[in-house]
């Protein structure tokens, strides 16, 4: 099973917001253009390379306002 399939089964959805450069600097990411982020409450997970970086901090991730 691919890692992206696994995290989707774990409840992650594709994160389509902007990610600040500071996030990539923190992870010392050599190829931020390859990053693909997924999100579930309390966790951001990148599937862009074998490192599979993960953070519970929303700092550097674009926030969305939802209206019901």
C-alpha atoms as a PDB file:
ATOM      1  CA  UNK A   1       0.000   0.000   0.000  1.00  0.00           C
ATOM      2  CA  UNK A   2       1.297   3.437  -0.891  1.00  0.00           C
ATOM      3  CA  UNK A   3       1.809   5.889   1.949  1.00  0.00           C
ATOM      4  CA  UNK A   4      -0.761   8.315   0.495  1.00  0.00           C
ATOM      5  CA  UNK A   5      -3.380   5.555   0.478  1.00  0.00           C
ATOM      6  CA  UNK A   6      -2.534   4.712   4.077  1.00  0.00           C
ATOM      7  CA  UNK A   7      -2.888   8.273   5.394  1.00  0.00           C
ATOM      8  CA  UNK A   8      -6.174   8.714   3.525  1.00  0.00           C
ATOM      9  CA  UNK A   9      -7.458   5.613   5.323  1.00  0.00           C
ATOM     10  CA  UNK A  10      -6.280   7.223   8.563  1.00  0.00           C
ATOM     11  CA  UNK A  11      -8.556  10.220   7.923  1.00  0.00           C
ATOM     12  CA  UNK A  12      -6.218  12.683   6.209  1.00  0.00           C
ATOM     13  CA  UNK A  13      -7.466  14.844   3.339  1.00  0.00           C
ATOM     14  CA  UNK A  14      -5.445  16.785   0.788  1.00  0.00           C
ATOM     15  CA  UNK A  15      -4.374  20.190   2.090  1.00  0.00           C
ATOM     16  CA  UNK A  16      -4.768  22.738  -0.695  1.00  0.00           C
ATOM     17  CA  UNK A  17      -3.828  25.920   1.128  1.00  0.00           C
ATOM     18  CA  UNK A  18      -0.613  27.899   0.947  1.00  0.00           C
ATOM     19  CA  UNK A  19       2.394  26.655   2.907  1.00  0.00           C
ATOM     20  CA  UNK A  20       4.891  29.282   4.011  1.00  0.00           C
ATOM     21  CA  UNK A  21       8.588  28.897   3.191  1.00  0.00           C
ATOM     22  CA  UNK A  22       9.324  28.757   6.934  1.00  0.00           C
ATOM     23  CA  UNK A  23       7.763  25.275   7.077  1.00  0.00           C
ATOM     24  CA  UNK A  24      10.193  23.986   4.459  1.00  0.00           C
ATOM     25  CA  UNK A  25      13.088  25.734   6.186  1.00  0.00           C
ATOM     26  CA  UNK A  26      12.156  24.081   9.485  1.00  0.00           C
ATOM     27  CA  UNK A  27      12.208  20.623   7.875  1.00  0.00           C
ATOM     28  CA  UNK A  28      15.289  21.539   5.803  1.00  0.00           C
ATOM     29  CA  UNK A  29      13.369  20.418   2.732  1.00  0.00           C
ATOM     30  CA  UNK A  30      15.613  20.242  -0.349  1.00  0.00           C
ATOM     31  CA  UNK A  31      12.676  20.102  -2.819  1.00  0.00           C
ATOM     32  CA  UNK A  32       9.645  22.056  -1.570  1.00  0.00           C
ATOM     33  CA  UNK A  33       8.240  22.108  -5.105  1.00  0.00           C
ATOM     34  CA  UNK A  34       7.593  18.357  -4.727  1.00  0.00           C
ATOM     35  CA  UNK A  35       5.699  18.731  -1.442  1.00  0.00           C
ATOM     36  CA  UNK A  36       2.161  17.385  -1.210  1.00  0.00           C
ATOM     37  CA  UNK A  37       0.496  18.038   2.137  1.00  0.00           C
ATOM     38  CA  UNK A  38      -2.375  16.211   3.826  1.00  0.00           C
ATOM     39  CA  UNK A  39      -4.287  17.289   6.918  1.00  0.00           C
ATOM     40  CA  UNK A  40      -6.420  15.874   9.667  1.00  0.00           C
ATOM     41  CA  UNK A  41      -7.304  17.613  12.901  1.00  0.00           C
ATOM     42  CA  UNK A  42      -4.079  18.260  14.764  1.00  0.00           C
ATOM     43  CA  UNK A  43      -1.671  16.974  12.103  1.00  0.00           C
ATOM     44  CA  UNK A  44      -0.116  18.058   8.809  1.00  0.00           C
ATOM     45  CA  UNK A  45       1.648  15.307   6.836  1.00  0.00           C
ATOM     46  CA  UNK A  46       3.821  15.730   3.743  1.00  0.00           C
ATOM     47  CA  UNK A  47       4.065  12.950   1.162  1.00  0.00           C
ATOM     48  CA  UNK A  48       6.460  14.690  -1.212  1.00  0.00           C
ATOM     49  CA  UNK A  49       9.475  12.486  -0.455  1.00  0.00           C
ATOM     50  CA  UNK A  50      10.648   9.532   1.614  1.00  0.00           C
ATOM     51  CA  UNK A  51      11.084  11.715   4.743  1.00  0.00           C
ATOM     52  CA  UNK A  52       7.274  11.987   5.170  1.00  0.00           C
ATOM     53  CA  UNK A  53       7.566  15.103   7.364  1.00  0.00           C
ATOM     54  CA  UNK A  54       4.790  15.631   9.903  1.00  0.00           C
ATOM     55  CA  UNK A  55       3.902  18.444  12.282  1.00  0.00           C
ATOM     56  CA  UNK A  56       1.125  19.190  14.738  1.00  0.00           C
ATOM     57  CA  UNK A  57       1.741  22.939  14.436  1.00  0.00           C
ATOM     58  CA  UNK A  58      -0.466  24.994  12.123  1.00  0.00           C
ATOM     59  CA  UNK A  59       2.183  27.735  11.985  1.00  0.00           C
ATOM     60  CA  UNK A  60       3.021  28.469   8.357  1.00  0.00           C
ATOM     61  CA  UNK A  61      -0.131  26.847   6.973  1.00  0.00           C
ATOM     62  CA  UNK A  62      -2.861  29.034   5.492  1.00  0.00           C
ATOM     63  CA  UNK A  63      -5.970  29.043   7.668  1.00  0.00           C
ATOM     64  CA  UNK A  64      -9.443  28.788   6.186  1.00  0.00           C
ATOM     65  CA  UNK A  65     -12.698  30.243   7.443  1.00  0.00           C
ATOM     66  CA  UNK A  66     -15.660  27.915   7.184  1.00  0.00           C
ATOM     67  CA  UNK A  67     -19.242  29.099   7.197  1.00  0.00           C
ATOM     68  CA  UNK A  68     -22.116  26.803   7.959  1.00  0.00           C
END
